[in-house]
PDB file of N, CA and C in Angstrom:
ATOM      1  N   MET A   1     -43.540  77.879 -12.655  1.00  0.00           N
ATOM      2  CA  MET A   1     -43.207  76.813 -11.729  1.00  0.00           C
ATOM      3  C   MET A   1     -44.430  76.486 -10.878  1.00  0.00           C
ATOM      4  N   ILE A   2     -44.667  75.218 -10.659  1.00  0.00           N
ATOM      5  CA  ILE A   2     -45.801  74.778  -9.857  1.00  0.00           C
ATOM      6  C   ILE A   2     -45.447  74.900  -8.384  1.00  0.00           C
ATOM      7  N   LYS A   3     -46.368  75.484  -7.647  1.00  0.00           N
ATOM      8  CA  LYS A   3     -46.161  75.643  -6.215  1.00  0.00           C
ATOM      9  C   LYS A   3     -46.922  74.560  -5.464  1.00  0.00           C
ATOM     10  N   MET A   4     -46.437  74.201  -4.304  1.00  0.00           N
ATOM     11  CA  MET A   4     -47.069  73.180  -3.479  1.00  0.00           C
ATOM     12  C   MET A   4     -48.518  73.551  -3.175  1.00  0.00           C
ATOM     13  N   TYR A   5     -48.793  74.823  -2.963  1.00  0.00           N
ATOM     14  CA  TYR A   5     -50.141  75.285  -2.653  1.00  0.00           C
ATOM     15  C   TYR A   5     -51.096  74.949  -3.799  1.00  0.00           C
ATOM     16  N   ASP A   6     -50.644  75.151  -5.044  1.00  0.00           N
ATOM     17  CA  ASP A   6     -51.475  74.854  -6.214  1.00  0.00           C
ATOM     18  C   ASP A   6     -51.750  73.360  -6.328  1.00  0.00           C
ATOM     19  N   ILE A   7     -50.763  72.552  -6.030  1.00  0.00           N
ATOM     20  CA  ILE A   7     -50.933  71.100  -6.101  1.00  0.00           C
ATOM     21  C   ILE A   7     -51.946  70.639  -5.059  1.00  0.00           C
ATOM     22  N   LEU A   8     -51.871  71.189  -3.862  1.00  0.00           N
ATOM     23  CA  LEU A   8     -52.793  70.795  -2.810  1.00  0.00           C
ATOM     24  C   LEU A   8     -54.228  71.199  -3.110  1.00  0.00           C
ATOM     25  N   LEU A   9     -54.425  72.264  -3.892  1.00  0.00           N
ATOM     26  CA  LEU A   9     -55.772  72.703  -4.228  1.00  0.00           C
ATOM     27  C   LEU A   9     -56.386  71.884  -5.367  1.00  0.00           C
ATOM     28  N   GLU A  10     -55.546  71.210  -6.127  1.00  0.00           N
ATOM     29  CA  GLU A  10     -56.069  70.402  -7.213  1.00  0.00           C
ATOM     30  C   GLU A  10     -56.775  69.181  -6.651  1.00  0.00           C
ATOM     31  N   GLY A  11     -57.953  68.919  -7.183  1.00  0.00           N
ATOM     32  CA  GLY A  11     -58.689  67.730  -6.764  1.00  0.00           C
ATOM     33  C   GLY A  11     -58.642  66.679  -7.846  1.00  0.00           C
ATOM     34  N   ILE A  12     -58.830  65.459  -7.445  1.00  0.00           N
ATOM     35  CA  ILE A  12     -58.905  64.366  -8.398  1.00  0.00           C
ATOM     36  C   ILE A  12     -60.363  63.933  -8.460  1.00  0.00           C
ATOM     37  N   ASN A  13     -60.956  64.048  -9.640  1.00  0.00           N
ATOM     38  CA  ASN A  13     -62.330  63.626  -9.841  1.00  0.00           C
ATOM     39  C   ASN A  13     -62.334  62.232 -10.440  1.00  0.00           C
ATOM     40  N   VAL A  14     -63.116  61.355  -9.827  1.00  0.00           N
ATOM     41  CA  VAL A  14     -63.218  59.976 -10.298  1.00  0.00           C
ATOM     42  C   VAL A  14     -64.649  59.737 -10.796  1.00  0.00           C
ATOM     43  N   TYR A  15     -64.737  59.188 -12.004  1.00  0.00           N
ATOM     44  CA  TYR A  15     -66.022  58.862 -12.614  1.00  0.00           C
ATOM     45  C   TYR A  15     -66.059  57.381 -12.939  1.00  0.00           C
ATOM     46  N   SER A  16     -67.282  56.858 -13.066  1.00  0.00           N
ATOM     47  CA  SER A  16     -67.442  55.480 -13.526  1.00  0.00           C
ATOM     48  C   SER A  16     -68.302  55.491 -14.784  1.00  0.00           C
ATOM     49  N   ILE A  17     -68.098  54.476 -15.605  1.00  0.00           N
ATOM     50  CA  ILE A  17     -68.848  54.344 -16.844  1.00  0.00           C
ATOM     51  C   ILE A  17     -68.810  52.886 -17.276  1.00  0.00           C
ATOM     52  N   GLU A  18     -69.803  52.485 -18.044  1.00  0.00           N
ATOM     53  CA  GLU A  18     -69.794  51.164 -18.656  1.00  0.00           C
ATOM     54  C   GLU A  18     -69.356  51.329 -20.101  1.00  0.00           C
ATOM     55  N   ALA A  19     -68.631  50.338 -20.597  1.00  0.00           N
ATOM     56  CA  ALA A  19     -68.193  50.355 -21.991  1.00  0.00           C
ATOM     57  C   ALA A  19     -68.395  48.975 -22.592  1.00  0.00           C
ATOM     58  N   LEU A  20     -68.937  48.960 -23.780  1.00  0.00           N
ATOM     59  CA  LEU A  20     -69.098  47.729 -24.539  1.00  0.00           C
ATOM     60  C   LEU A  20     -67.868  47.588 -25.418  1.00  0.00           C
ATOM     61  N   ILE A  21     -67.232  46.423 -25.363  1.00  0.00           N
ATOM     62  CA  ILE A  21     -66.067  46.227 -26.227  1.00  0.00           C
ATOM     63  C   ILE A  21     -66.308  45.050 -27.166  1.00  0.00           C
ATOM     64  N   LYS A  22     -65.778  45.182 -28.351  1.00  0.00           N
ATOM     65  CA  LYS A  22     -65.843  44.139 -29.377  1.00  0.00           C
ATOM     66  C   LYS A  22     -64.417  43.662 -29.591  1.00  0.00           C
ATOM     67  N   THR A  23     -64.214  42.347 -29.448  1.00  0.00           N
ATOM     68  CA  THR A  23     -62.871  41.790 -29.568  1.00  0.00           C
ATOM     69  C   THR A  23     -62.845  40.708 -30.638  1.00  0.00           C
ATOM     70  N   VAL A  24     -61.660  40.434 -31.113  1.00  0.00           N
ATOM     71  CA  VAL A  24     -61.461  39.365 -32.081  1.00  0.00           C
ATOM     72  C   VAL A  24     -61.638  38.030 -31.358  1.00  0.00           C
ATOM     73  N   ALA A  25     -62.459  37.156 -31.922  1.00  0.00           N
ATOM     74  CA  ALA A  25     -62.678  35.840 -31.315  1.00  0.00           C
ATOM     75  C   ALA A  25     -61.362  35.068 -31.284  1.00  0.00           C
ATOM     76  N   GLY A  26     -61.159  34.345 -30.218  1.00  0.00           N
ATOM     77  CA  GLY A  26     -59.945  33.553 -30.091  1.00  0.00           C
ATOM     78  C   GLY A  26     -58.801  34.275 -29.402  1.00  0.00           C
ATOM     79  N   GLU A  27     -58.891  35.590 -29.272  1.00  0.00           N
ATOM     80  CA  GLU A  27     -57.863  36.343 -28.543  1.00  0.00           C
ATOM     81  C   GLU A  27     -58.050  36.109 -27.044  1.00  0.00           C
ATOM     82  N   ASN A  28     -56.992  36.255 -26.280  1.00  0.00           N
ATOM     83  CA  ASN A  28     -57.034  36.095 -24.840  1.00  0.00           C
ATOM     84  C   ASN A  28     -57.743  37.309 -24.227  1.00  0.00           C
ATOM     85  N   LYS A  29     -58.969  37.100 -23.757  1.00  0.00           N
ATOM     86  CA  LYS A  29     -59.757  38.219 -23.220  1.00  0.00           C
ATOM     87  C   LYS A  29     -59.135  38.818 -21.967  1.00  0.00           C
ATOM     88  N   VAL A  30     -58.566  37.987 -21.125  1.00  0.00           N
ATOM     89  CA  VAL A  30     -57.941  38.493 -19.899  1.00  0.00           C
ATOM     90  C   VAL A  30     -56.818  39.461 -20.253  1.00  0.00           C
ATOM     91  N   GLU A  31     -56.037  39.123 -21.266  1.00  0.00           N
ATOM     92  CA  GLU A  31     -54.954  40.010 -21.699  1.00  0.00           C
ATOM     93  C   GLU A  31     -55.521  41.322 -22.253  1.00  0.00           C
ATOM     94  N   ILE A  32     -56.611  41.247 -22.985  1.00  0.00           N
ATOM     95  CA  ILE A  32     -57.251  42.466 -23.506  1.00  0.00           C
ATOM     96  C   ILE A  32     -57.741  43.332 -22.351  1.00  0.00           C
ATOM     97  N   TYR A  33     -58.384  42.721 -21.349  1.00  0.00           N
ATOM     98  CA  TYR A  33     -58.858  43.479 -20.188  1.00  0.00           C
ATOM     99  C   TYR A  33     -57.685  44.131 -19.455  1.00  0.00           C
ATOM    100  N   ASN A  34     -56.596  43.412 -19.311  1.00  0.00           N
ATOM    101  CA  ASN A  34     -55.414  43.963 -18.637  1.00  0.00           C
ATOM    102  C   ASN A  34     -54.818  45.120 -19.430  1.00  0.00           C
ATOM    103  N   GLN A  35     -54.815  44.997 -20.748  1.00  0.00           N
ATOM    104  CA  GLN A  35     -54.299  46.088 -21.594  1.00  0.00           C
ATOM    105  C   GLN A  35     -55.192  47.322 -21.481  1.00  0.00           C
ATOM    106  N   VAL A  36     -56.510  47.126 -21.427  1.00  0.00           N
ATOM    107  CA  VAL A  36     -57.433  48.253 -21.245  1.00  0.00           C
ATOM    108  C   VAL A  36     -57.178  48.884 -19.881  1.00  0.00           C
ATOM    109  N   ARG A  37     -57.011  48.057 -18.864  1.00  0.00           N
ATOM    110  CA  ARG A  37     -56.747  48.551 -17.501  1.00  0.00           C
ATOM    111  C   ARG A  37     -55.460  49.370 -17.456  1.00  0.00           C
ATOM    112  N   ALA A  38     -54.520  49.082 -18.334  1.00  0.00           N
ATOM    113  CA  ALA A  38     -53.234  49.772 -18.344  1.00  0.00           C
ATOM    114  C   ALA A  38     -53.285  51.136 -19.033  1.00  0.00           C
ATOM    115  N   VAL A  39     -54.397  51.468 -19.685  1.00  0.00           N
ATOM    116  CA  VAL A  39     -54.514  52.772 -20.347  1.00  0.00           C
ATOM    117  C   VAL A  39     -54.477  53.867 -19.290  1.00  0.00           C
ATOM    118  N   SER A  40     -53.710  54.908 -19.575  1.00  0.00           N
ATOM    119  CA  SER A  40     -53.536  56.016 -18.639  1.00  0.00           C
ATOM    120  C   SER A  40     -54.885  56.631 -18.251  1.00  0.00           C
ATOM    121  N   GLY A  41     -55.099  56.783 -16.959  1.00  0.00           N
ATOM    122  CA  GLY A  41     -56.321  57.406 -16.455  1.00  0.00           C
ATOM    123  C   GLY A  41     -57.308  56.395 -15.885  1.00  0.00           C
ATOM    124  N   ILE A  42     -57.250  55.155 -16.332  1.00  0.00           N
ATOM    125  CA  ILE A  42     -58.168  54.128 -15.831  1.00  0.00           C
ATOM    126  C   ILE A  42     -57.649  53.593 -14.506  1.00  0.00           C
ATOM    127  N   ILE A  43     -58.557  53.486 -13.546  1.00  0.00           N
ATOM    128  CA  ILE A  43     -58.191  53.000 -12.218  1.00  0.00           C
ATOM    129  C   ILE A  43     -58.619  51.550 -12.038  1.00  0.00           C
ATOM    130  N   VAL A  44     -59.882  51.259 -12.351  1.00  0.00           N
ATOM    131  CA  VAL A  44     -60.452  49.936 -12.117  1.00  0.00           C
ATOM    132  C   VAL A  44     -61.219  49.485 -13.353  1.00  0.00           C
ATOM    133  N   VAL A  45     -61.082  48.210 -13.714  1.00  0.00           N
ATOM    134  CA  VAL A  45     -61.883  47.600 -14.773  1.00  0.00           C
ATOM    135  C   VAL A  45     -62.504  46.334 -14.201  1.00  0.00           C
ATOM    136  N   THR A  46     -63.821  46.257 -14.270  1.00  0.00           N
ATOM    137  CA  THR A  46     -64.552  45.079 -13.824  1.00  0.00           C
ATOM    138  C   THR A  46     -65.327  44.536 -15.015  1.00  0.00           C
ATOM    139  N   VAL A  47     -65.240  43.240 -15.232  1.00  0.00           N
ATOM    140  CA  VAL A  47     -65.946  42.606 -16.340  1.00  0.00           C
ATOM    141  C   VAL A  47     -67.300  42.116 -15.837  1.00  0.00           C
ATOM    142  N   GLU A  48     -68.362  42.530 -16.529  1.00  0.00           N
ATOM    143  CA  GLU A  48     -69.714  42.109 -16.183  1.00  0.00           C
ATOM    144  C   GLU A  48     -70.127  40.985 -17.125  1.00  0.00           C
ATOM    145  N   HIS A  49     -70.488  39.841 -16.557  1.00  0.00           N
ATOM    146  CA  HIS A  49     -70.924  38.719 -17.390  1.00  0.00           C
ATOM    147  C   HIS A  49     -72.320  38.998 -17.927  1.00  0.00           C
ATOM    148  N   SER A  50     -72.527  38.712 -19.208  1.00  0.00           N
ATOM    149  CA  SER A  50     -73.823  38.945 -19.842  1.00  0.00           C
ATOM    150  C   SER A  50     -74.127  37.798 -20.804  1.00  0.00           C
ATOM    151  N   ASP A  51     -75.190  37.060 -20.498  1.00  0.00           N
ATOM    152  CA  ASP A  51     -75.612  35.985 -21.399  1.00  0.00           C
ATOM    153  C   ASP A  51     -76.047  36.553 -22.744  1.00  0.00           C
ATOM    154  N   PHE A  52     -76.649  37.745 -22.715  1.00  0.00           N
ATOM    155  CA  PHE A  52     -77.082  38.383 -23.955  1.00  0.00           C
ATOM    156  C   PHE A  52     -75.893  38.657 -24.874  1.00  0.00           C
ATOM    157  N   LEU A  53     -74.825  39.228 -24.320  1.00  0.00           N
ATOM    158  CA  LEU A  53     -73.641  39.510 -25.136  1.00  0.00           C
ATOM    159  C   LEU A  53     -72.977  38.221 -25.606  1.00  0.00           C
ATOM    160  N   ASP A  54     -72.982  37.199 -24.759  1.00  0.00           N
ATOM    161  CA  ASP A  54     -72.426  35.907 -25.169  1.00  0.00           C
ATOM    162  C   ASP A  54     -73.194  35.338 -26.357  1.00  0.00           C
ATOM    163  N   SER A  55     -74.503  35.554 -26.374  1.00  0.00           N
ATOM    164  CA  SER A  55     -75.318  35.033 -27.475  1.00  0.00           C
ATOM    165  C   SER A  55     -75.085  35.795 -28.774  1.00  0.00           C
ATOM    166  N   LYS A  56     -74.558  36.998 -28.705  1.00  0.00           N
ATOM    167  CA  LYS A  56     -74.304  37.812 -29.904  1.00  0.00           C
ATOM    168  C   LYS A  56     -72.931  37.537 -30.525  1.00  0.00           C
ATOM    169  N   ALA A  57     -72.122  36.730 -29.872  1.00  0.00           N
ATOM    170  CA  ALA A  57     -70.785  36.414 -30.392  1.00  0.00           C
ATOM    171  C   ALA A  57     -70.906  35.653 -31.711  1.00  0.00           C
ATOM    172  N   THR A  58     -69.979  35.941 -32.619  1.00  0.00           N
ATOM    173  CA  THR A  58     -69.920  35.233 -33.891  1.00  0.00           C
ATOM    174  C   THR A  58     -68.605  34.462 -33.937  1.00  0.00           C
ATOM    175  N   GLU A  59     -68.339  33.811 -35.052  1.00  0.00           N
ATOM    176  CA  GLU A  59     -67.066  33.095 -35.145  1.00  0.00           C
ATOM    177  C   GLU A  59     -65.890  34.063 -35.280  1.00  0.00           C
ATOM    178  N   ASN A  60     -66.172  35.335 -35.612  1.00  0.00           N
ATOM    179  CA  ASN A  60     -65.107  36.325 -35.778  1.00  0.00           C
ATOM    180  C   ASN A  60     -64.952  37.277 -34.599  1.00  0.00           C
ATOM    181  N   TYR A  61     -66.064  37.572 -33.896  1.00  0.00           N
ATOM    182  CA  TYR A  61     -66.037  38.598 -32.847  1.00  0.00           C
ATOM    183  C   TYR A  61     -66.778  38.151 -31.594  1.00  0.00           C
ATOM    184  N   GLU A  62     -66.318  38.697 -30.453  1.00  0.00           N
ATOM    185  CA  GLU A  62     -66.968  38.479 -29.166  1.00  0.00           C
ATOM    186  C   GLU A  62     -67.172  39.841 -28.506  1.00  0.00           C
ATOM    187  N   TYR A  63     -68.122  39.904 -27.585  1.00  0.00           N
ATOM    188  CA  TYR A  63     -68.465  41.164 -26.930  1.00  0.00           C
ATOM    189  C   TYR A  63     -68.366  41.019 -25.418  1.00  0.00           C
ATOM    190  N   SER A  64     -68.000  42.106 -24.758  1.00  0.00           N
ATOM    191  CA  SER A  64     -67.924  42.134 -23.298  1.00  0.00           C
ATOM    192  C   SER A  64     -68.379  43.495 -22.801  1.00  0.00           C
ATOM    193  N   LEU A  65     -68.901  43.513 -21.582  1.00  0.00           N
ATOM    194  CA  LEU A  65     -69.281  44.759 -20.941  1.00  0.00           C
ATOM    195  C   LEU A  65     -68.320  45.017 -19.789  1.00  0.00           C
ATOM    196  N   LEU A  66     -67.685  46.185 -19.815  1.00  0.00           N
ATOM    197  CA  LEU A  66     -66.738  46.560 -18.771  1.00  0.00           C
ATOM    198  C   LEU A  66     -67.312  47.696 -17.944  1.00  0.00           C
ATOM    199  N   LYS A  67     -67.148  47.620 -16.642  1.00  0.00           N
ATOM    200  CA  LYS A  67     -67.440  48.751 -15.756  1.00  0.00           C
ATOM    201  C   LYS A  67     -66.093  49.316 -15.361  1.00  0.00           C
ATOM    202  N   MET A  68     -65.912  50.606 -15.591  1.00  0.00           N
ATOM    203  CA  MET A  68     -64.613  51.221 -15.340  1.00  0.00           C
ATOM    204  C   MET A  68     -64.734  52.440 -14.450  1.00  0.00           C
ATOM    205  N   LYS A  69     -63.695  52.680 -13.684  1.00  0.00           N
ATOM    206  CA  LYS A  69     -63.530  53.936 -12.958  1.00  0.00           C
ATOM    207  C   LYS A  69     -62.292  54.593 -13.537  1.00  0.00           C
ATOM    208  N   TYR A  70     -62.381  55.907 -13.746  1.00  0.00           N
ATOM    209  CA  TYR A  70     -61.250  56.611 -14.335  1.00  0.00           C
ATOM    210  C   TYR A  70     -61.130  58.017 -13.772  1.00  0.00           C
ATOM    211  N   ILE A  71     -59.928  58.561 -13.881  1.00  0.00           N
ATOM    212  CA  ILE A  71     -59.627  59.900 -13.379  1.00  0.00           C
ATOM    213  C   ILE A  71     -59.932  60.912 -14.473  1.00  0.00           C
ATOM    214  N   VAL A  72     -60.613  61.986 -14.078  1.00  0.00           N
ATOM    215  CA  VAL A  72     -60.983  63.039 -15.026  1.00  0.00           C
ATOM    216  C   VAL A  72     -60.074  64.242 -14.813  1.00  0.00           C
ATOM    217  N   LYS A  73     -59.421  64.663 -15.903  1.00  0.00           N
ATOM    218  CA  LYS A  73     -58.547  65.827 -15.842  1.00  0.00           C
ATOM    219  C   LYS A  73     -59.180  67.044 -16.502  1.00  0.00           C
ATOM    220  N   SER A  74     -60.076  66.833 -17.466  1.00  0.00           N
ATOM    221  CA  SER A  74     -60.778  67.943 -18.121  1.00  0.00           C
ATOM    222  C   SER A  74     -62.276  67.755 -17.892  1.00  0.00           C
ATOM    223  N   THR A  75     -62.993  67.214 -18.865  1.00  0.00           N
ATOM    224  CA  THR A  75     -64.399  66.860 -18.654  1.00  0.00           C
ATOM    225  C   THR A  75     -64.517  65.349 -18.779  1.00  0.00           C
ATOM    226  N   PRO A  76     -65.521  64.754 -18.147  1.00  0.00           N
ATOM    227  CA  PRO A  76     -65.651  63.294 -18.210  1.00  0.00           C
ATOM    228  C   PRO A  76     -65.797  62.775 -19.647  1.00  0.00           C
ATOM    229  N   GLU A  77     -66.536  63.506 -20.462  1.00  0.00           N
ATOM    230  CA  GLU A  77     -66.761  63.087 -21.847  1.00  0.00           C
ATOM    231  C   GLU A  77     -65.470  63.147 -22.665  1.00  0.00           C
ATOM    232  N   GLU A  78     -64.709  64.223 -22.507  1.00  0.00           N
ATOM    233  CA  GLU A  78     -63.445  64.356 -23.239  1.00  0.00           C
ATOM    234  C   GLU A  78     -62.464  63.258 -22.827  1.00  0.00           C
ATOM    235  N   ASP A  79     -62.372  63.002 -21.532  1.00  0.00           N
ATOM    236  CA  ASP A  79     -61.412  62.014 -21.049  1.00  0.00           C
ATOM    237  C   ASP A  79     -61.772  60.595 -21.473  1.00  0.00           C
ATOM    238  N   ILE A  80     -63.071  60.243 -21.455  1.00  0.00           N
ATOM    239  CA  ILE A  80     -63.431  58.890 -21.881  1.00  0.00           C
ATOM    240  C   ILE A  80     -63.218  58.739 -23.385  1.00  0.00           C
ATOM    241  N   ASN A  81     -63.385  59.807 -24.145  1.00  0.00           N
ATOM    242  CA  ASN A  81     -63.103  59.736 -25.580  1.00  0.00           C
ATOM    243  C   ASN A  81     -61.606  59.576 -25.844  1.00  0.00           C
ATOM    244  N   LYS A  82     -60.775  60.225 -25.030  1.00  0.00           N
ATOM    245  CA  LYS A  82     -59.322  60.030 -25.148  1.00  0.00           C
ATOM    246  C   LYS A  82     -58.949  58.588 -24.822  1.00  0.00           C
ATOM    247  N   ILE A  83     -59.549  58.057 -23.766  1.00  0.00           N
ATOM    248  CA  ILE A  83     -59.303  56.668 -23.383  1.00  0.00           C
ATOM    249  C   ILE A  83     -59.725  55.732 -24.509  1.00  0.00           C
ATOM    250  N   LYS A  84     -60.872  56.016 -25.102  1.00  0.00           N
ATOM    251  CA  LYS A  84     -61.377  55.205 -26.211  1.00  0.00           C
ATOM    252  C   LYS A  84     -60.377  55.164 -27.366  1.00  0.00           C
ATOM    253  N   ILE A  85     -59.881  56.322 -27.754  1.00  0.00           N
ATOM    254  CA  ILE A  85     -58.941  56.414 -28.876  1.00  0.00           C
ATOM    255  C   ILE A  85     -57.650  55.656 -28.560  1.00  0.00           C
ATOM    256  N   ILE A  86     -57.121  55.862 -27.365  1.00  0.00           N
ATOM    257  CA  ILE A  86     -55.885  55.191 -26.971  1.00  0.00           C
ATOM    258  C   ILE A  86     -56.084  53.672 -26.936  1.00  0.00           C
ATOM    259  N   ALA A  87     -57.199  53.231 -26.363  1.00  0.00           N
ATOM    260  CA  ALA A  87     -57.457  51.788 -26.253  1.00  0.00           C
ATOM    261  C   ALA A  87     -57.577  51.149 -27.631  1.00  0.00           C
ATOM    262  N   GLN A  88     -58.308  51.790 -28.533  1.00  0.00           N
ATOM    263  CA  GLN A  88     -58.500  51.207 -29.862  1.00  0.00           C
ATOM    264  C   GLN A  88     -57.201  51.147 -30.656  1.00  0.00           C
ATOM    265  N   LYS A  89     -56.297  52.088 -30.399  1.00  0.00           N
ATOM    266  CA  LYS A  89     -55.014  52.091 -31.115  1.00  0.00           C
ATOM    267  C   LYS A  89     -53.989  51.150 -30.494  1.00  0.00           C
ATOM    268  N   SER A  90     -54.024  50.986 -29.177  1.00  0.00           N
ATOM    269  CA  SER A  90     -52.911  50.303 -28.510  1.00  0.00           C
ATOM    270  C   SER A  90     -53.202  48.897 -27.999  1.00  0.00           C
ATOM    271  N   VAL A  91     -54.463  48.483 -27.959  1.00  0.00           N
ATOM    272  CA  VAL A  91     -54.785  47.166 -27.410  1.00  0.00           C
ATOM    273  C   VAL A  91     -54.983  46.162 -28.545  1.00  0.00           C
ATOM    274  N   PRO A  92     -54.067  45.214 -28.694  1.00  0.00           N
ATOM    275  CA  PRO A  92     -54.216  44.202 -29.738  1.00  0.00           C
ATOM    276  C   PRO A  92     -55.446  43.330 -29.481  1.00  0.00           C
ATOM    277  N   GLY A  93     -56.230  43.091 -30.521  1.00  0.00           N
ATOM    278  CA  GLY A  93     -57.422  42.264 -30.399  1.00  0.00           C
ATOM    279  C   GLY A  93     -58.678  43.041 -30.091  1.00  0.00           C
ATOM    280  N   LEU A  94     -58.547  44.319 -29.735  1.00  0.00           N
ATOM    281  CA  LEU A  94     -59.703  45.167 -29.459  1.00  0.00           C
ATOM    282  C   LEU A  94     -60.139  45.818 -30.764  1.00  0.00           C
ATOM    283  N   VAL A  95     -61.379  45.564 -31.170  1.00  0.00           N
ATOM    284  CA  VAL A  95     -61.897  46.098 -32.428  1.00  0.00           C
ATOM    285  C   VAL A  95     -62.662  47.390 -32.187  1.00  0.00           C
ATOM    286  N   GLN A  96     -63.540  47.390 -31.179  1.00  0.00           N
ATOM    287  CA  GLN A  96     -64.341  48.574 -30.862  1.00  0.00           C
ATOM    288  C   GLN A  96     -64.415  48.776 -29.360  1.00  0.00           C
ATOM    289  N   PHE A  97     -64.508  50.050 -28.974  1.00  0.00           N
ATOM    290  CA  PHE A  97     -64.650  50.445 -27.571  1.00  0.00           C
ATOM    291  C   PHE A  97     -65.774  51.470 -27.567  1.00  0.00           C
ATOM    292  N   ILE A  98     -66.922  51.089 -27.017  1.00  0.00           N
ATOM    293  CA  ILE A  98     -68.102  51.957 -27.072  1.00  0.00           C
ATOM    294  C   ILE A  98     -68.522  52.335 -25.656  1.00  0.00           C
ATOM    295  N   PRO A  99     -68.212  53.566 -25.224  1.00  0.00           N
ATOM    296  CA  PRO A  99     -68.651  54.010 -23.889  1.00  0.00           C
ATOM    297  C   PRO A  99     -70.169  54.221 -23.872  1.00  0.00           C
ATOM    298  N   ARG A 100     -70.815  53.778 -22.819  1.00  0.00           N
ATOM    299  CA  ARG A 100     -72.255  53.992 -22.655  1.00  0.00           C
ATOM    300  C   ARG A 100     -72.429  55.245 -21.812  1.00  0.00           C
ATOM    301  N   MET A 101     -72.574  56.389 -22.487  1.00  0.00           N
ATOM    302  CA  MET A 101     -72.586  57.693 -21.819  1.00  0.00           C
ATOM    303  C   MET A 101     -73.725  57.829 -20.804  1.00  0.00           C
ATOM    304  N   LYS A 102     -74.805  57.084 -20.982  1.00  0.00           N
ATOM    305  CA  LYS A 102     -75.923  57.155 -20.026  1.00  0.00           C
ATOM    306  C   LYS A 102     -75.543  56.597 -18.660  1.00  0.00           C
ATOM    307  N   THR A 103     -74.464  55.824 -18.612  1.00  0.00           N
ATOM    308  CA  THR A 103     -74.044  55.225 -17.339  1.00  0.00           C
ATOM    309  C   THR A 103     -72.964  56.052 -16.637  1.00  0.00           C
ATOM    310  N   LEU A 104     -72.600  57.182 -17.221  1.00  0.00           N
ATOM    311  CA  LEU A 104     -71.567  58.038 -16.630  1.00  0.00           C
ATOM    312  C   LEU A 104     -72.022  58.546 -15.269  1.00  0.00           C
ATOM    313  N   GLU A 105     -71.161  58.357 -14.275  1.00  0.00           N
ATOM    314  CA  GLU A 105     -71.531  58.736 -12.910  1.00  0.00           C
ATOM    315  C   GLU A 105     -70.297  59.200 -12.145  1.00  0.00           C
ATOM    316  N   LYS A 106     -70.439  60.316 -11.453  1.00  0.00           N
ATOM    317  CA  LYS A 106     -69.324  60.812 -10.643  1.00  0.00           C
ATOM    318  C   LYS A 106     -69.267  59.993  -9.355  1.00  0.00           C
ATOM    319  N   LYS A 107     -68.076  59.463  -9.075  1.00  0.00           N
ATOM    320  CA  LYS A 107     -67.883  58.636  -7.886  1.00  0.00           C
ATOM    321  C   LYS A 107     -67.313  59.433  -6.724  1.00  0.00           C
ATOM    322  N   GLY A 108     -66.600  60.511  -7.024  1.00  0.00           N
ATOM    323  CA  GLY A 108     -66.068  61.292  -5.935  1.00  0.00           C
ATOM    324  C   GLY A 108     -64.987  62.257  -6.371  1.00  0.00           C
ATOM    325  N   ALA A 109     -64.684  63.180  -5.487  1.00  0.00           N
ATOM    326  CA  ALA A 109     -63.584  64.125  -5.692  1.00  0.00           C
ATOM    327  C   ALA A 109     -62.681  63.990  -4.474  1.00  0.00           C
ATOM    328  N   TYR A 110     -61.417  63.805  -4.734  1.00  0.00           N
ATOM    329  CA  TYR A 110     -60.466  63.575  -3.635  1.00  0.00           C
ATOM    330  C   TYR A 110     -59.365  64.609  -3.653  1.00  0.00           C
TER     331      TYR A 110
END
């Protein structure tokens, strides 16, 4: 049984990371962003506009850069990989989810 003392000692670690996503052209990007935001563990999703990524779009695919904050329960790398798997399976129109591990940054422990 979990005791109140144990719950109070648990901290919540928040990390941020950038992720490159590849989506099907013609899909509603706002809906895709909202679906990504709804993945368990993600707190904030911010879309970064990039002329470079816009220039790489084809008639079949489009690209976006997301800045995300998420809650870490194990290690930051394990949790972002879990988020990646869940997002790719559950978000319609999302083809690829590529976390940029070099941008991983701890935002705080609460």
